[in-house]
Amino acid sequence: MYCVCREHVEQAIDKFVDEYEDAPDLVNLQTTVFSAWKPPEHCEWCGKPVEVLVV
């Protein structure tokens, strides 16, 4: 699972596919709210605000 900005979505997809050999689901974190989990505020690779969950 990766929480990234829009700029790093492709990199997160590539890494996910390399690890799991399956296509990930993409969740827009700007419009989705989870009751039991709070996403990090910053991209794992650059520190920009998180926008997409790759899972």
PDB file of N, CA and C in Angstrom:
ATOM      1  N   MET A   1       0.858  -1.166   0.000  1.00  0.00           N
ATOM      2  CA  MET A   1       0.000   0.000   0.000  1.00  0.00           C
ATOM      3  C   MET A   1       0.902   1.226   0.000  1.00  0.00           C
ATOM      4  N   TYR A   2       0.582   2.177  -0.870  1.00  0.00           N
ATOM      5  CA  TYR A   2       1.365   3.395  -0.970  1.00  0.00           C
ATOM      6  C   TYR A   2       0.430   4.598  -0.967  1.00  0.00           C
ATOM      7  N   CYS A   3       0.786   5.620  -0.227  1.00  0.00           N
ATOM      8  CA  CYS A   3       0.054   6.879  -0.204  1.00  0.00           C
ATOM      9  C   CYS A   3       0.950   7.912  -0.873  1.00  0.00           C
ATOM     10  N   VAL A   4       0.501   8.415  -2.017  1.00  0.00           N
ATOM     11  CA  VAL A   4       1.374   9.268  -2.826  1.00  0.00           C
ATOM     12  C   VAL A   4       0.627  10.482  -3.380  1.00  0.00           C
ATOM     13  N   CYS A   5       1.426  11.441  -3.862  1.00  0.00           N
ATOM     14  CA  CYS A   5       0.865  12.580  -4.579  1.00  0.00           C
ATOM     15  C   CYS A   5       0.596  12.135  -6.020  1.00  0.00           C
ATOM     16  N   ARG A   6      -0.079  12.973  -6.792  1.00  0.00           N
ATOM     17  CA  ARG A   6      -0.390  12.630  -8.185  1.00  0.00           C
ATOM     18  C   ARG A   6       0.878  12.398  -9.005  1.00  0.00           C
ATOM     19  N   GLU A   7       1.927  13.116  -8.700  1.00  0.00           N
ATOM     20  CA  GLU A   7       3.177  13.019  -9.447  1.00  0.00           C
ATOM     21  C   GLU A   7       3.817  11.631  -9.341  1.00  0.00           C
ATOM     22  N   HIS A   8       3.603  10.947  -8.234  1.00  0.00           N
ATOM     23  CA  HIS A   8       4.261   9.663  -8.005  1.00  0.00           C
ATOM     24  C   HIS A   8       3.338   8.449  -8.137  1.00  0.00           C
ATOM     25  N   VAL A   9       2.160   8.630  -8.700  1.00  0.00           N
ATOM     26  CA  VAL A   9       1.223   7.509  -8.865  1.00  0.00           C
ATOM     27  C   VAL A   9       1.823   6.418  -9.749  1.00  0.00           C
ATOM     28  N   GLU A  10       2.416   6.799 -10.879  1.00  0.00           N
ATOM     29  CA  GLU A  10       2.989   5.797 -11.783  1.00  0.00           C
ATOM     30  C   GLU A  10       4.085   4.987 -11.110  1.00  0.00           C
ATOM     31  N   GLN A  11       4.935   5.642 -10.345  1.00  0.00           N
ATOM     32  CA  GLN A  11       6.003   4.931  -9.644  1.00  0.00           C
ATOM     33  C   GLN A  11       5.430   3.963  -8.618  1.00  0.00           C
ATOM     34  N   ALA A  12       4.386   4.387  -7.911  1.00  0.00           N
ATOM     35  CA  ALA A  12       3.760   3.518  -6.911  1.00  0.00           C
ATOM     36  C   ALA A  12       3.098   2.314  -7.580  1.00  0.00           C
ATOM     37  N   ILE A  13       2.463   2.537  -8.724  1.00  0.00           N
ATOM     38  CA  ILE A  13       1.841   1.424  -9.462  1.00  0.00           C
ATOM     39  C   ILE A  13       2.918   0.433  -9.893  1.00  0.00           C
ATOM     40  N   ASP A  14       3.998   0.941 -10.463  1.00  0.00           N
ATOM     41  CA  ASP A  14       5.092   0.061 -10.909  1.00  0.00           C
ATOM     42  C   ASP A  14       5.654  -0.756  -9.751  1.00  0.00           C
ATOM     43  N   LYS A  15       5.873  -0.126  -8.627  1.00  0.00           N
ATOM     44  CA  LYS A  15       6.423  -0.832  -7.463  1.00  0.00           C
ATOM     45  C   LYS A  15       5.436  -1.879  -6.950  1.00  0.00           C
ATOM     46  N   PHE A  16       4.144  -1.527  -6.925  1.00  0.00           N
ATOM     47  CA  PHE A  16       3.109  -2.465  -6.485  1.00  0.00           C
ATOM     48  C   PHE A  16       3.093  -3.697  -7.395  1.00  0.00           C
ATOM     49  N   VAL A  17       3.113  -3.474  -8.700  1.00  0.00           N
ATOM     50  CA  VAL A  17       3.081  -4.584  -9.664  1.00  0.00           C
ATOM     51  C   VAL A  17       4.333  -5.458  -9.516  1.00  0.00           C
ATOM     52  N   ASP A  18       5.482  -4.829  -9.320  1.00  0.00           N
ATOM     53  CA  ASP A  18       6.713  -5.599  -9.117  1.00  0.00           C
ATOM     54  C   ASP A  18       6.621  -6.484  -7.876  1.00  0.00           C
ATOM     55  N   GLU A  19       6.044  -5.967  -6.816  1.00  0.00           N
ATOM     56  CA  GLU A  19       5.966  -6.714  -5.557  1.00  0.00           C
ATOM     57  C   GLU A  19       4.897  -7.792  -5.560  1.00  0.00           C
ATOM     58  N   TYR A  20       3.701  -7.459  -6.075  1.00  0.00           N
ATOM     59  CA  TYR A  20       2.552  -8.355  -5.947  1.00  0.00           C
ATOM     60  C   TYR A  20       2.128  -9.040  -7.244  1.00  0.00           C
ATOM     61  N   GLU A  21       2.744  -8.637  -8.367  1.00  0.00           N
ATOM     62  CA  GLU A  21       2.422  -9.204  -9.681  1.00  0.00           C
ATOM     63  C   GLU A  21       0.928  -9.148  -9.974  1.00  0.00           C
ATOM     64  N   ASP A  22       0.311  -8.056  -9.590  1.00  0.00           N
ATOM     65  CA  ASP A  22      -1.115  -7.830  -9.808  1.00  0.00           C
ATOM     66  C   ASP A  22      -1.341  -6.332  -9.925  1.00  0.00           C
ATOM     67  N   ALA A  23      -2.397  -5.951 -10.594  1.00  0.00           N
ATOM     68  CA  ALA A  23      -2.718  -4.532 -10.742  1.00  0.00           C
ATOM     69  C   ALA A  23      -3.346  -3.997  -9.451  1.00  0.00           C
ATOM     70  N   PRO A  24      -2.951  -2.808  -9.030  1.00  0.00           N
ATOM     71  CA  PRO A  24      -3.510  -2.246  -7.797  1.00  0.00           C
ATOM     72  C   PRO A  24      -4.828  -1.523  -8.047  1.00  0.00           C
ATOM     73  N   ASP A  25      -5.519  -1.248  -6.970  1.00  0.00           N
ATOM     74  CA  ASP A  25      -6.672  -0.352  -7.005  1.00  0.00           C
ATOM     75  C   ASP A  25      -6.165   1.026  -6.609  1.00  0.00           C
ATOM     76  N   LEU A  26      -6.761   2.062  -7.193  1.00  0.00           N
ATOM     77  CA  LEU A  26      -6.402   3.438  -6.861  1.00  0.00           C
ATOM     78  C   LEU A  26      -7.586   4.092  -6.168  1.00  0.00           C
ATOM     79  N   VAL A  27      -7.327   4.724  -5.036  1.00  0.00           N
ATOM     80  CA  VAL A  27      -8.378   5.386  -4.263  1.00  0.00           C
ATOM     81  C   VAL A  27      -8.019   6.861  -4.138  1.00  0.00           C
ATOM     82  N   ASN A  28      -8.949   7.717  -4.537  1.00  0.00           N
ATOM     83  CA  ASN A  28      -8.753   9.160  -4.418  1.00  0.00           C
ATOM     84  C   ASN A  28      -8.971   9.536  -2.954  1.00  0.00           C
ATOM     85  N   LEU A  29      -7.927   9.964  -2.295  1.00  0.00           N
ATOM     86  CA  LEU A  29      -8.023  10.299  -0.877  1.00  0.00           C
ATOM     87  C   LEU A  29      -8.627  11.680  -0.639  1.00  0.00           C
ATOM     88  N   GLN A  30      -8.863  12.426  -1.702  1.00  0.00           N
ATOM     89  CA  GLN A  30      -9.515  13.726  -1.571  1.00  0.00           C
ATOM     90  C   GLN A  30     -11.027  13.558  -1.400  1.00  0.00           C
ATOM     91  N   THR A  31     -11.561  12.426  -1.861  1.00  0.00           N
ATOM     92  CA  THR A  31     -13.009  12.208  -1.803  1.00  0.00           C
ATOM     93  C   THR A  31     -13.419  10.998  -0.964  1.00  0.00           C
ATOM     94  N   THR A  32     -12.449  10.246  -0.457  1.00  0.00           N
ATOM     95  CA  THR A  32     -12.746   9.039   0.303  1.00  0.00           C
ATOM     96  C   THR A  32     -12.330   9.219   1.759  1.00  0.00           C
ATOM     97  N   VAL A  33     -13.210   8.796   2.676  1.00  0.00           N
ATOM     98  CA  VAL A  33     -12.918   8.874   4.103  1.00  0.00           C
ATOM     99  C   VAL A  33     -13.022   7.473   4.685  1.00  0.00           C
ATOM    100  N   PHE A  34     -12.036   7.099   5.481  1.00  0.00           N
ATOM    101  CA  PHE A  34     -12.033   5.798   6.146  1.00  0.00           C
ATOM    102  C   PHE A  34     -12.358   6.004   7.622  1.00  0.00           C
ATOM    103  N   SER A  35     -13.181   5.129   8.173  1.00  0.00           N
ATOM    104  CA  SER A  35     -13.574   5.295   9.572  1.00  0.00           C
ATOM    105  C   SER A  35     -12.499   4.799  10.544  1.00  0.00           C
ATOM    106  N   ALA A  36     -11.715   3.791  10.150  1.00  0.00           N
ATOM    107  CA  ALA A  36     -10.764   3.194  11.084  1.00  0.00           C
ATOM    108  C   ALA A  36      -9.303   3.440  10.696  1.00  0.00           C
ATOM    109  N   TRP A  37      -9.057   4.289   9.706  1.00  0.00           N
ATOM    110  CA  TRP A  37      -7.678   4.527   9.269  1.00  0.00           C
ATOM    111  C   TRP A  37      -7.541   5.953   8.774  1.00  0.00           C
ATOM    112  N   LYS A  38      -6.490   6.593   9.178  1.00  0.00           N
ATOM    113  CA  LYS A  38      -6.204   7.948   8.711  1.00  0.00           C
ATOM    114  C   LYS A  38      -4.945   7.904   7.855  1.00  0.00           C
ATOM    115  N   PRO A  39      -5.029   8.306   6.593  1.00  0.00           N
ATOM    116  CA  PRO A  39      -3.851   8.258   5.728  1.00  0.00           C
ATOM    117  C   PRO A  39      -2.808   9.283   6.168  1.00  0.00           C
ATOM    118  N   PRO A  40      -1.552   9.031   5.833  1.00  0.00           N
ATOM    119  CA  PRO A  40      -0.533  10.023   6.140  1.00  0.00           C
ATOM    120  C   PRO A  40      -0.803  11.314   5.371  1.00  0.00           C
ATOM    121  N   GLU A  41      -0.247  12.391   5.835  1.00  0.00           N
ATOM    122  CA  GLU A  41      -0.495  13.680   5.200  1.00  0.00           C
ATOM    123  C   GLU A  41       0.420  13.938   4.018  1.00  0.00           C
ATOM    124  N   HIS A  42       1.574  13.256   3.965  1.00  0.00           N
ATOM    125  CA  HIS A  42       2.568  13.566   2.944  1.00  0.00           C
ATOM    126  C   HIS A  42       2.938  12.340   2.118  1.00  0.00           C
ATOM    127  N   CYS A  43       3.242  12.579   0.846  1.00  0.00           N
ATOM    128  CA  CYS A  43       3.681  11.543  -0.093  1.00  0.00           C
ATOM    129  C   CYS A  43       4.899  10.816   0.468  1.00  0.00           C
ATOM    130  N   GLU A  44       4.926   9.512   0.264  1.00  0.00           N
ATOM    131  CA  GLU A  44       6.035   8.701   0.751  1.00  0.00           C
ATOM    132  C   GLU A  44       7.353   9.032   0.066  1.00  0.00           C
ATOM    133  N   TRP A  45       7.294   9.636  -1.144  1.00  0.00           N
ATOM    134  CA  TRP A  45       8.510   9.876  -1.907  1.00  0.00           C
ATOM    135  C   TRP A  45       8.951  11.333  -1.961  1.00  0.00           C
ATOM    136  N   CYS A  46       8.044  12.277  -1.756  1.00  0.00           N
ATOM    137  CA  CYS A  46       8.483  13.664  -1.946  1.00  0.00           C
ATOM    138  C   CYS A  46       8.007  14.637  -0.872  1.00  0.00           C
ATOM    139  N   GLY A  47       7.050  14.284  -0.074  1.00  0.00           N
ATOM    140  CA  GLY A  47       6.591  15.191   0.967  1.00  0.00           C
ATOM    141  C   GLY A  47       5.433  16.084   0.573  1.00  0.00           C
ATOM    142  N   LYS A  48       4.987  16.016  -0.690  1.00  0.00           N
ATOM    143  CA  LYS A  48       3.812  16.786  -1.099  1.00  0.00           C
ATOM    144  C   LYS A  48       2.568  16.171  -0.454  1.00  0.00           C
ATOM    145  N   PRO A  49       1.452  16.882  -0.435  1.00  0.00           N
ATOM    146  CA  PRO A  49       0.222  16.318   0.146  1.00  0.00           C
ATOM    147  C   PRO A  49      -0.209  15.020  -0.564  1.00  0.00           C
ATOM    148  N   VAL A  50      -0.654  14.058   0.221  1.00  0.00           N
ATOM    149  CA  VAL A  50      -1.130  12.781  -0.307  1.00  0.00           C
ATOM    150  C   VAL A  50      -2.456  12.973  -1.031  1.00  0.00           C
ATOM    151  N   GLU A  51      -2.588  12.355  -2.194  1.00  0.00           N
ATOM    152  CA  GLU A  51      -3.829  12.437  -2.963  1.00  0.00           C
ATOM    153  C   GLU A  51      -4.383  11.074  -3.344  1.00  0.00           C
ATOM    154  N   VAL A  52      -3.499  10.055  -3.483  1.00  0.00           N
ATOM    155  CA  VAL A  52      -3.934   8.764  -3.991  1.00  0.00           C
ATOM    156  C   VAL A  52      -3.391   7.631  -3.118  1.00  0.00           C
ATOM    157  N   LEU A  53      -4.262   6.662  -2.851  1.00  0.00           N
ATOM    158  CA  LEU A  53      -3.885   5.436  -2.162  1.00  0.00           C
ATOM    159  C   LEU A  53      -3.775   4.350  -3.222  1.00  0.00           C
ATOM    160  N   VAL A  54      -2.625   3.722  -3.312  1.00  0.00           N
ATOM    161  CA  VAL A  54      -2.388   2.617  -4.265  1.00  0.00           C
ATOM    162  C   VAL A  54      -2.384   1.356  -3.429  1.00  0.00           C
ATOM    163  N   VAL A  55      -3.383   0.515  -3.646  1.00  0.00           N
ATOM    164  CA  VAL A  55      -3.542  -0.685  -2.816  1.00  0.00           C
ATOM    165  C   VAL A  55      -4.008  -1.873  -3.640  1.00  0.00           C
TER     166      VAL A  55
END
